[in-house]
Structures are given as C-alpha cells and as structure tokens.
Protein backbone atom coordinates (compact mmCIF):
# COMPACT_ATOMS: atom_id res chain seq x y z
CA GLU A 1 -5.34 17.55 -6.96
CA VAL A 2 -4.08 21.11 -6.49
CA GLN A 3 -4.67 21.75 -10.17
CA ASP A 4 -8.29 20.62 -9.84
CA GLN A 5 -8.85 22.88 -6.82
CA SER A 6 -7.56 26.01 -8.50
CA GLY A 7 -9.53 25.50 -11.68
CA ASP A 8 -6.88 27.27 -13.75
CA LYS A 9 -4.86 24.59 -15.54
CA SER A 10 -2.68 27.16 -17.32
CA LYS A 11 -0.78 27.83 -14.07
CA PHE A 12 0.53 24.26 -13.89
CA VAL A 13 3.03 22.25 -15.90
CA SER A 14 3.48 18.49 -15.82
CA VAL A 15 7.14 17.57 -15.59
CA VAL A 16 8.82 14.17 -15.44
CA VAL A 17 12.38 14.12 -14.08
CA LEU A 18 14.47 11.13 -15.13
CA ASP A 19 17.63 10.92 -13.04
CA GLU A 20 20.51 8.89 -14.50
CA VAL A 21 18.57 8.53 -17.74
CA GLY A 22 21.81 7.57 -19.51
CA LEU A 23 21.90 4.23 -17.69
CA ALA A 24 18.84 3.12 -19.67
CA GLU A 25 20.82 3.60 -22.89
CA ASP A 26 22.73 0.39 -22.10
CA SER A 27 19.58 -1.74 -21.93
CA PRO A 28 19.04 -4.10 -24.90
CA ASN A 29 15.28 -3.48 -24.52
CA LEU A 30 15.64 0.20 -25.50
CA PRO A 31 13.23 1.49 -22.82
CA LEU A 32 13.77 5.13 -23.74
CA LYS A 33 12.54 4.63 -27.30
CA VAL A 34 8.98 5.09 -26.06
CA LEU A 35 9.92 8.64 -25.07
CA HIS A 36 10.68 9.84 -28.61
CA PRO A 37 7.18 11.17 -29.40
CA LEU A 38 6.78 12.56 -25.89
CA LEU A 39 10.09 14.41 -26.21
CA GLU A 40 9.07 15.67 -29.63
CA ASP A 41 6.00 17.63 -28.60
CA GLY A 42 4.97 16.48 -25.13
CA THR A 43 2.28 14.14 -26.42
CA GLU A 44 1.92 10.48 -27.25
CA GLY A 45 2.67 11.34 -30.86
CA ASN A 46 -0.25 9.52 -32.44
CA SER A 47 0.31 10.42 -36.08
CA TYR A 48 -3.24 9.31 -36.94
CA SER A 49 -4.79 11.95 -34.73
CA ILE A 50 -5.42 15.42 -36.08
CA ASP A 51 -6.40 16.69 -32.66
CA VAL A 52 -4.42 19.58 -31.30
CA VAL A 53 -3.13 18.74 -27.85
CA GLU A 54 -3.68 21.56 -25.41
CA ARG A 55 -0.68 23.00 -23.57
CA GLU A 56 -2.11 21.85 -20.24
CA GLU A 57 -2.15 18.23 -21.42
CA ARG A 58 1.49 18.13 -22.48
CA VAL A 59 4.32 16.68 -20.41
CA ALA A 60 7.80 18.18 -20.11
CA PHE A 61 10.85 16.03 -19.44
CA ILE A 62 14.08 16.71 -17.64
CA GLY A 63 16.70 14.02 -18.12
CA ILE A 64 19.82 14.06 -15.96
CA SER A 65 22.76 12.01 -17.14
CA ASN A 66 26.51 11.77 -16.84
CA TRP A 67 26.59 10.02 -20.20
CA ALA A 68 25.74 11.20 -23.69
CA LEU A 69 22.39 9.95 -24.93
CA ASP A 70 21.80 8.67 -28.44
CA PRO A 71 21.32 11.33 -31.14
CA ALA A 72 17.59 10.60 -31.50
CA LYS A 73 17.02 11.82 -27.95
CA MET A 74 19.67 14.54 -27.98
CA ASN A 75 18.03 16.11 -31.06
CA ARG A 76 14.70 16.35 -29.24
CA GLY A 77 15.91 18.53 -26.41
CA ILE A 78 18.39 21.03 -25.14
CA MET A 79 21.65 19.80 -23.72
CA VAL A 80 23.13 21.79 -20.89
CA THR A 81 26.71 20.88 -20.16
CA ARG A 82 29.70 22.33 -18.43
CA CYS A 83 33.39 22.07 -18.98
CA ASP A 84 35.55 19.74 -16.92
CA PRO A 85 35.92 21.03 -13.36
CA THR A 86 39.21 22.43 -12.16
CA ARG A 87 41.01 21.02 -9.14
CA GLU A 88 39.85 24.04 -7.11
CA GLU A 89 36.20 23.49 -8.12
CA LEU A 90 36.42 19.83 -7.16
CA GLU A 91 37.88 20.67 -3.75
CA LEU A 92 35.18 23.30 -3.17
CA SER A 93 32.48 20.77 -4.18
CA ALA A 94 33.92 18.22 -1.75
CA LYS A 95 33.88 20.78 1.05
CA GLN A 96 30.30 21.79 0.30
CA ILE A 97 29.15 18.16 0.16
CA CYS A 98 30.72 17.54 3.57
CA THR A 99 29.30 20.69 5.17
CA ASN A 100 25.95 20.41 6.91
CA HIS A 101 24.19 23.75 7.43
CA GLY A 102 27.36 25.56 8.38
CA LYS A 103 28.70 22.75 10.54
CA ASP A 104 32.11 21.79 9.19
CA GLU A 105 33.13 18.87 11.43
CA VAL A 106 33.16 16.31 8.62
CA ALA A 107 34.66 18.80 6.16
CA GLU A 108 37.47 19.64 8.58
CA TRP A 109 38.15 15.95 9.21
CA LEU A 110 38.35 15.17 5.47
CA LYS A 111 39.97 18.45 4.37
CA PRO A 112 43.49 16.94 4.15
CA HIS A 113 42.14 14.47 1.57
CA PHE A 114 40.22 16.89 -0.71
CA SER A 115 43.20 17.48 -3.00
CA GLN A 116 43.75 13.71 -3.27
CA PHE A 117 40.08 13.18 -4.15
CA ALA A 118 40.32 15.90 -6.80
CA GLU A 119 43.51 14.44 -8.25
CA ALA A 120 41.98 10.94 -8.39
CA TYR A 121 38.86 12.28 -10.12
CA LEU A 122 40.89 14.18 -12.71
CA GLU A 123 43.04 11.12 -13.37
CA ILE A 124 39.99 8.88 -13.90
CA LEU A 125 38.42 11.53 -16.12
CA SER A 126 41.53 11.69 -18.30
CA LYS A 127 41.45 7.89 -18.83
CA GLN A 128 37.76 7.66 -19.79
CA LYS A 129 37.21 6.13 -23.20
CA ARG A 130 33.48 6.84 -23.31
CA GLU A 131 32.10 10.38 -23.20
CA PHE A 132 31.27 11.08 -19.56
CA PHE A 133 29.85 14.29 -18.11
CA GLY A 134 30.45 13.87 -14.41
C-alpha cells in the first residue's frame, strides 16, 4: 500500500523473515524445499521463462535458526554465526532479558541465580550431539 502511494518501487524491498526455520528441517514433508529457487535469485525460479525479473519483484529471505540447515539451503545464503558465549556474556544476557526499561526489580531478584543459569546452559551445550547455535 505504501509502495503504491509513493510510486517509486525502487525504494522498497520485500523481505520474508522465517523465525526458527531450522525446525522445518525435521519435517518429513520437506516444506523448505519450495524455497530453493526463491533463495537462489529471489524469484520462483521458472527455468522455462527467459524473462528477467525486476529487482522490485524479487523477495529477500532472512532465516533465523539455532540449528544448521541442510547444505542446499546453506549454499544459497550467507550464514552469520557467533562463537559460544562465555559465562560472563550469558550472565549479562540474563540480566538484560530481566531488565525492563531500566527497572531492575526482576533482575535483582534473579541475580543470585544468573551464574547457575549460565553454568546449566554451558553444561547442556557441551553435551549436545547435534550442531546447535543457541
């Protein structure tokens, strides 16, 4: 609607965000397989068409996952990852999650447990058999 009002389609990008996209990898129906051509060039991938798809008609994808995707999808994108968090980073994350706009009541109440949460997370992470990014 906004795109139609402005008249300039080059100022807009269509983006689909798939949160927890890795969960679909476990489905026997392979629901993500339909994304392969879209991930390739942002189009439906009709190999019979010689039409050039305009930039404004393409769709970008952002997939968020704690699990590695299959190579067919991983090869069609850019993977951004980070190393395993340290205990200090985990405790800071816990504090920030529990803080609400500078109000630390919950964070202060749970603060004695942050190191235990971090230790439990690191222990679970060390016992993972499947590659997990969370």
